[in-house]
Amino acid sequence: MRASVFAVFDEVNVSDHAKPTSAEHAKGSVKEAIGKLIGDARVEAEGKAQKQGARTPKAPSRRD
């Protein structure tokens, strides 16, 4: 049953108005919370990693 829950999160469609990184971050947050809730350290770690991967590095400041 756990695998089917996470398959849904992997197939979430991103609207044109939302940034793909925001959707990935949200999916990671949900995965992390579910991992904590069910006591599964692996799922919790996957969620944390997914959140970290969704963060984009800041662009260097421009000097004109």
Protein backbone atom coordinates (compact mmCIF):
# COMPACT_ATOMS: atom_id res chain seq x y z
CA MET A 1 0.00 0.00 0.00
CA ARG A 2 2.84 2.43 0.71
CA ALA A 3 4.16 2.23 -2.86
CA SER A 4 0.79 3.27 -4.30
CA VAL A 5 0.69 6.37 -2.09
CA PHE A 6 4.05 7.58 -3.34
CA ALA A 7 3.27 6.80 -6.97
CA VAL A 8 0.55 9.45 -6.75
CA PHE A 9 3.05 12.08 -5.60
CA ASP A 10 5.39 11.29 -8.47
CA GLU A 11 2.62 11.91 -11.01
CA VAL A 12 1.33 15.24 -9.69
CA ASN A 13 0.90 17.66 -12.57
CA VAL A 14 2.36 21.12 -12.16
CA SER A 15 0.19 24.02 -13.29
CA ASP A 16 1.58 26.71 -15.54
CA HIS A 17 1.47 29.18 -12.65
CA ALA A 18 3.49 27.12 -10.16
CA LYS A 19 7.20 26.65 -10.38
CA PRO A 20 8.33 23.04 -10.84
CA THR A 21 10.73 23.43 -7.93
CA SER A 22 7.83 24.47 -5.69
CA ALA A 23 5.92 21.33 -6.61
CA GLU A 24 8.97 19.16 -5.97
CA HIS A 25 9.52 20.85 -2.63
CA ALA A 26 5.87 20.27 -1.68
CA LYS A 27 6.05 16.60 -2.68
CA GLY A 28 9.20 16.23 -0.59
CA SER A 29 7.49 17.84 2.39
CA VAL A 30 4.55 15.47 2.14
CA LYS A 31 6.83 12.46 1.77
CA GLU A 32 8.87 13.55 4.78
CA ALA A 33 5.73 14.05 6.88
CA ILE A 34 4.34 10.65 5.90
CA GLY A 35 7.68 9.06 6.78
CA LYS A 36 7.55 10.64 10.23
CA LEU A 37 3.91 9.66 10.68
CA ILE A 38 4.41 5.98 9.83
CA GLY A 39 7.86 5.79 11.45
CA ASP A 40 9.70 4.95 8.22
CA ALA A 41 13.14 6.59 8.30
CA ARG A 42 13.82 5.71 4.64
CA VAL A 43 10.71 7.53 3.38
CA GLU A 44 11.46 10.48 5.66
CA ALA A 45 15.00 10.69 4.28
CA GLU A 46 13.71 10.49 0.69
CA GLY A 47 11.41 13.43 1.41
CA LYS A 48 14.22 15.50 2.89
CA ALA A 49 16.43 14.72 -0.10
CA GLN A 50 13.66 15.62 -2.51
CA LYS A 51 13.15 18.96 -0.74
CA GLN A 52 16.89 19.70 -0.86
CA GLY A 53 17.03 18.79 -4.55
CA ALA A 54 14.17 21.13 -5.34
CA ARG A 55 15.98 24.17 -3.99
CA THR A 56 17.60 26.21 -6.70
CA PRO A 57 20.86 27.98 -6.12
CA LYS A 58 20.57 31.73 -5.91
CA ALA A 59 21.63 33.60 -9.00
CA PRO A 60 24.75 35.67 -8.62
CA SER A 61 24.04 39.35 -8.08
CA ARG A 62 24.45 41.54 -11.12
CA ARG A 63 26.67 44.55 -10.96
CA ASP A 64 25.87 47.19 -13.54
